[in-house]
Amino acid sequence: MATTKGCRGEAVLTSCGAAAAATAIPVAVHASDPVSLAGVKSQLRHQPSIELVEEAVGRSGAVAILVADTLDEPTLSSLRRLIRNDATRAVLVASTIREADLLQVIECGVGAIVWRREATGHRLQQAVVAASRGDGDLPADLLGRLITQVGTMQRGAVQRGTAGLSDAPVHGLAPREVDVLRLVAEGMDTGEIASKLSYSERTVKNVMHGLTTRLQLRNRAHAVAYALREGYI
């Protein structure tokens, strides 16, 4: 019968549509101006893995997207409010990010960042999926700036005689955690890391979950920032 073979017929199509909606990621879009709000919603409306909602708080696996031209203090405060609920992941869509704000954005829990000039529906969907999984998704130029910024902080600490690569703690991260984070810092996803280290994807996920939970880190990007700051990588 058609109802047992697949999605054929009105009743079954309705059922399939409901199943797809059940697996979609709830996404709430926040923007300071109506044009940006409408534009991002329009880009996401036809993405099959996304369900647009008014509020992400209280929705399991929900993601909040914040659209901003620049990161001023009100925008950073909005980010902190959005991420305050542990069930909410955040994606930042911005035109520019100052060097002074980059590490602060990562440490407050933003794991996915998209440049406004690159914010197509497909790109936004990639960032939402990565954020919902707790993965990092940073533009390559931002990742390079993050590594440079943390390296500068470390060199300054060495000059002040308070810390340095040679003083990096010998506890906190296990060797395989460091191995995984090095590859995360190179932009590899879970499958690529598993292949490179001859681990299963489940093992890589367990390693990341274990270290982020133990060290109270928000996501992969925060974990990389921590490892860089502490001199592990």
Protein backbone atom coordinates (compact mmCIF):
# COMPACT_ATOMS: atom_id res chain seq x y z
CA MET A 1 0.00 0.00 0.00
CA ALA A 2 1.13 3.58 -0.61
CA THR A 3 0.97 4.39 3.05
CA THR A 4 3.59 1.75 3.86
CA LYS A 5 5.93 2.30 0.90
CA GLY A 6 6.92 5.93 1.45
CA CYS A 7 5.72 9.52 1.34
CA ARG A 8 2.90 9.16 -1.23
CA GLY A 9 -0.54 10.65 -0.81
CA GLU A 10 -1.77 13.64 1.18
CA ALA A 11 -2.02 11.86 4.54
CA VAL A 12 1.47 10.43 4.31
CA LEU A 13 2.93 13.72 3.05
CA THR A 14 1.48 15.40 6.10
CA SER A 15 3.04 12.75 8.30
CA CYS A 16 6.43 13.11 6.61
CA GLY A 17 6.27 16.88 6.92
CA ALA A 18 5.58 16.55 10.63
CA ALA A 19 8.55 14.20 11.03
CA ALA A 20 10.83 16.65 9.21
CA ALA A 21 9.62 19.51 11.43
CA ALA A 22 10.29 17.42 14.52
CA THR A 23 13.95 17.01 13.57
CA ALA A 24 14.46 20.63 12.49
CA ILE A 25 16.62 22.95 14.61
CA PRO A 26 14.62 25.72 16.31
CA VAL A 27 16.22 29.04 15.34
CA ALA A 28 15.38 32.50 16.68
CA VAL A 29 16.77 35.52 14.81
CA HIS A 30 17.61 38.76 16.63
CA ALA A 31 18.63 41.97 14.90
CA SER A 32 18.66 45.67 15.77
CA ASP A 33 16.93 46.70 12.53
CA PRO A 34 13.93 45.23 10.68
CA VAL A 35 15.74 44.95 7.33
CA SER A 36 18.44 42.65 8.75
CA LEU A 37 15.82 40.66 10.65
CA ALA A 38 13.68 40.12 7.57
CA GLY A 39 16.70 39.36 5.38
CA VAL A 40 18.11 36.61 7.58
CA LYS A 41 14.68 35.07 8.13
CA SER A 42 14.12 35.07 4.37
CA GLN A 43 17.44 33.27 3.82
CA LEU A 44 16.56 30.61 6.41
CA ARG A 45 12.86 30.12 5.69
CA HIS A 46 13.39 27.49 3.00
CA GLN A 47 16.24 25.60 4.68
CA PRO A 48 14.83 22.12 5.48
CA SER A 49 16.84 21.61 8.68
CA ILE A 50 15.68 24.87 10.29
CA GLU A 51 12.45 25.81 12.07
CA LEU A 52 12.12 29.57 12.64
CA VAL A 53 10.77 30.42 16.08
CA GLU A 54 10.23 33.67 17.96
CA GLU A 55 12.25 32.66 21.03
CA ALA A 56 14.95 29.99 21.41
CA VAL A 57 14.93 29.89 25.22
CA GLY A 58 13.42 26.70 26.56
CA ARG A 59 13.58 24.88 23.22
CA SER A 60 15.79 21.79 23.23
CA GLY A 61 18.75 22.17 20.84
CA ALA A 62 17.73 25.72 19.96
CA VAL A 63 20.05 28.21 18.29
CA ALA A 64 19.87 32.00 18.49
CA ILE A 65 21.25 34.13 15.64
CA LEU A 66 22.32 37.67 16.47
CA VAL A 67 22.87 40.04 13.55
CA ALA A 68 25.06 43.10 14.14
CA ASP A 69 27.17 45.53 12.14
CA THR A 70 29.77 46.00 14.86
CA LEU A 71 30.29 44.66 18.37
CA ASP A 72 29.55 47.46 20.79
CA GLU A 73 28.75 46.95 24.47
CA PRO A 74 24.96 46.62 23.95
CA THR A 75 25.58 43.90 21.34
CA LEU A 76 27.95 42.02 23.66
CA SER A 77 25.37 42.29 26.44
CA SER A 78 22.74 40.84 24.10
CA LEU A 79 25.07 37.95 23.30
CA ARG A 80 25.57 37.19 26.99
CA ARG A 81 21.82 37.23 27.61
CA LEU A 82 21.18 34.88 24.70
CA ILE A 83 23.81 32.39 25.87
CA ARG A 84 22.96 32.58 29.55
CA ASN A 85 20.57 29.67 29.10
CA ASP A 86 22.76 26.56 28.63
CA ALA A 87 20.23 25.09 26.20
CA THR A 88 20.76 27.96 23.76
CA ARG A 89 23.63 28.05 21.27
CA ALA A 90 24.54 31.25 19.48
CA VAL A 91 25.57 32.27 15.97
CA LEU A 92 26.91 35.77 15.43
CA VAL A 93 26.49 37.46 12.05
CA ALA A 94 28.66 40.58 11.94
CA SER A 95 30.24 42.99 9.49
CA THR A 96 33.41 43.54 11.52
CA ILE A 97 34.93 42.29 14.78
CA ARG A 98 37.68 44.26 16.50
CA GLU A 99 40.77 42.43 17.74
CA ALA A 100 39.96 43.54 21.28
CA ASP A 101 36.52 41.90 21.13
CA LEU A 102 37.33 38.61 19.40
CA LEU A 103 38.48 36.57 22.39
CA GLN A 104 35.68 38.01 24.51
CA VAL A 105 33.11 36.85 21.94
CA ILE A 106 34.55 33.33 21.93
CA GLU A 107 34.77 33.12 25.71
CA CYS A 108 31.19 34.24 26.22
CA GLY A 109 30.09 31.16 24.27
CA VAL A 110 29.75 32.05 20.59
CA GLY A 111 30.97 29.06 18.61
CA ALA A 112 29.87 30.07 15.12
CA ILE A 113 30.52 33.37 13.37
CA VAL A 114 29.44 34.37 9.87
CA TRP A 115 30.50 37.52 8.01
CA ARG A 116 27.46 39.46 6.81
CA ARG A 117 28.88 39.56 3.29
CA GLU A 118 28.90 35.73 3.27
CA ALA A 119 25.52 35.20 4.97
CA THR A 120 23.73 33.16 2.32
CA GLY A 121 21.06 30.69 3.30
CA HIS A 122 23.45 27.77 2.85
CA ARG A 123 26.21 29.42 4.89
CA LEU A 124 23.82 30.35 7.70
CA GLN A 125 22.47 26.80 7.78
CA GLN A 126 26.03 25.42 8.11
CA ALA A 127 26.68 27.73 11.06
CA VAL A 128 23.38 26.82 12.73
CA VAL A 129 24.04 23.07 12.40
CA ALA A 130 27.59 23.49 13.76
CA ALA A 131 26.36 25.58 16.70
CA SER A 132 23.58 23.11 17.52
CA ARG A 133 26.19 20.32 17.74
CA GLY A 134 28.52 22.39 19.90
CA ASP A 135 31.07 22.55 17.09
CA GLY A 136 33.08 25.61 16.15
CA ASP A 137 32.54 27.39 12.84
CA LEU A 138 34.79 30.42 12.41
CA PRO A 139 35.88 32.09 9.17
CA ALA A 140 39.49 31.17 8.39
CA ASP A 141 40.70 34.76 8.79
CA LEU A 142 39.13 34.99 12.25
CA LEU A 143 40.72 31.73 13.38
CA GLY A 144 44.11 33.07 12.29
CA ARG A 145 43.48 36.31 14.18
CA LEU A 146 42.46 34.37 17.29
CA ILE A 147 45.66 32.32 17.23
CA THR A 148 47.75 35.48 16.70
CA GLN A 149 45.97 37.31 19.49
CA VAL A 150 46.45 34.53 22.04
CA GLY A 151 50.11 34.16 20.98
CA THR A 152 50.62 37.89 21.60
CA MET A 153 49.07 37.54 25.06
CA GLN A 154 51.39 34.64 25.86
CA ARG A 155 54.49 36.56 24.74
CA GLY A 156 53.42 39.52 26.86
CA ALA A 157 53.01 37.24 29.87
CA VAL A 158 56.49 35.82 29.32
CA GLN A 159 57.97 39.31 29.24
CA ARG A 160 56.21 40.16 32.49
CA GLY A 161 57.62 36.98 34.04
CA THR A 162 54.19 35.66 34.99
CA ALA A 163 53.68 32.86 32.47
CA GLY A 164 54.98 31.38 29.27
CA LEU A 165 55.00 28.39 27.01
CA SER A 166 57.70 26.77 29.12
CA ASP A 167 55.47 27.26 32.18
CA ALA A 168 52.44 25.64 30.57
CA PRO A 169 50.60 23.45 33.08
CA VAL A 170 51.35 19.75 32.88
CA HIS A 171 47.82 18.88 33.98
CA GLY A 172 44.37 19.85 32.74
CA LEU A 173 44.46 18.37 29.23
CA ALA A 174 45.33 14.79 28.37
CA PRO A 175 47.65 14.15 25.39
CA ARG A 176 44.86 12.91 23.15
CA GLU A 177 42.76 15.96 24.08
CA VAL A 178 45.64 18.14 22.93
CA ASP A 179 45.91 16.11 19.71
CA VAL A 180 42.20 16.61 19.00
CA LEU A 181 42.32 20.33 19.78
CA ARG A 182 45.30 20.87 17.49
CA LEU A 183 43.26 19.49 14.61
CA VAL A 184 40.18 21.49 15.63
CA ALA A 185 42.39 24.60 15.50
CA GLU A 186 43.31 23.63 11.93
CA GLY A 187 39.63 23.72 10.99
CA MET A 188 39.00 19.98 10.73
CA ASP A 189 35.55 18.57 11.45
CA THR A 190 34.80 15.50 13.57
CA GLY A 191 35.10 13.03 10.68
CA GLU A 192 38.41 14.44 9.48
CA ILE A 193 39.85 14.40 13.02
CA ALA A 194 38.75 10.78 13.50
CA SER A 195 40.41 9.78 10.24
CA LYS A 196 43.62 11.66 11.01
CA LEU A 197 44.00 10.15 14.49
CA SER A 198 42.56 6.70 13.64
CA TYR A 199 39.75 7.22 16.16
CA SER A 200 36.05 6.64 15.73
CA GLU A 201 33.88 9.74 15.42
CA ARG A 202 32.23 8.78 18.70
CA THR A 203 35.65 8.81 20.41
CA VAL A 204 36.38 12.31 19.09
CA LYS A 205 32.99 13.54 20.27
CA ASN A 206 33.56 11.95 23.69
CA VAL A 207 36.99 13.59 23.99
CA MET A 208 35.53 17.01 23.17
CA HIS A 209 32.56 16.53 25.47
CA GLY A 210 34.79 15.38 28.32
CA LEU A 211 37.19 18.31 28.20
CA THR A 212 34.52 21.00 27.63
CA THR A 213 32.46 19.63 30.52
CA ARG A 214 35.43 19.22 32.88
CA LEU A 215 36.86 22.68 32.18
CA GLN A 216 33.44 24.35 31.84
CA LEU A 217 34.13 25.49 28.27
CA ARG A 218 31.24 26.53 26.06
CA ASN A 219 32.15 24.90 22.76
CA ARG A 220 35.02 23.92 20.45
CA ALA A 221 36.09 27.47 19.74
CA HIS A 222 36.27 28.22 23.46
CA ALA A 223 38.27 25.01 23.98
CA VAL A 224 40.77 26.05 21.30
CA ALA A 225 41.08 29.50 22.88
CA TYR A 226 41.72 27.86 26.28
CA ALA A 227 44.37 25.52 24.85
CA LEU A 228 46.11 28.40 23.11
CA ARG A 229 46.00 30.60 26.19
CA GLU A 230 47.44 27.85 28.38
CA GLY A 231 50.20 27.01 25.91
CA TYR A 232 49.08 23.53 24.92
CA ILE A 233 48.97 24.31 21.20
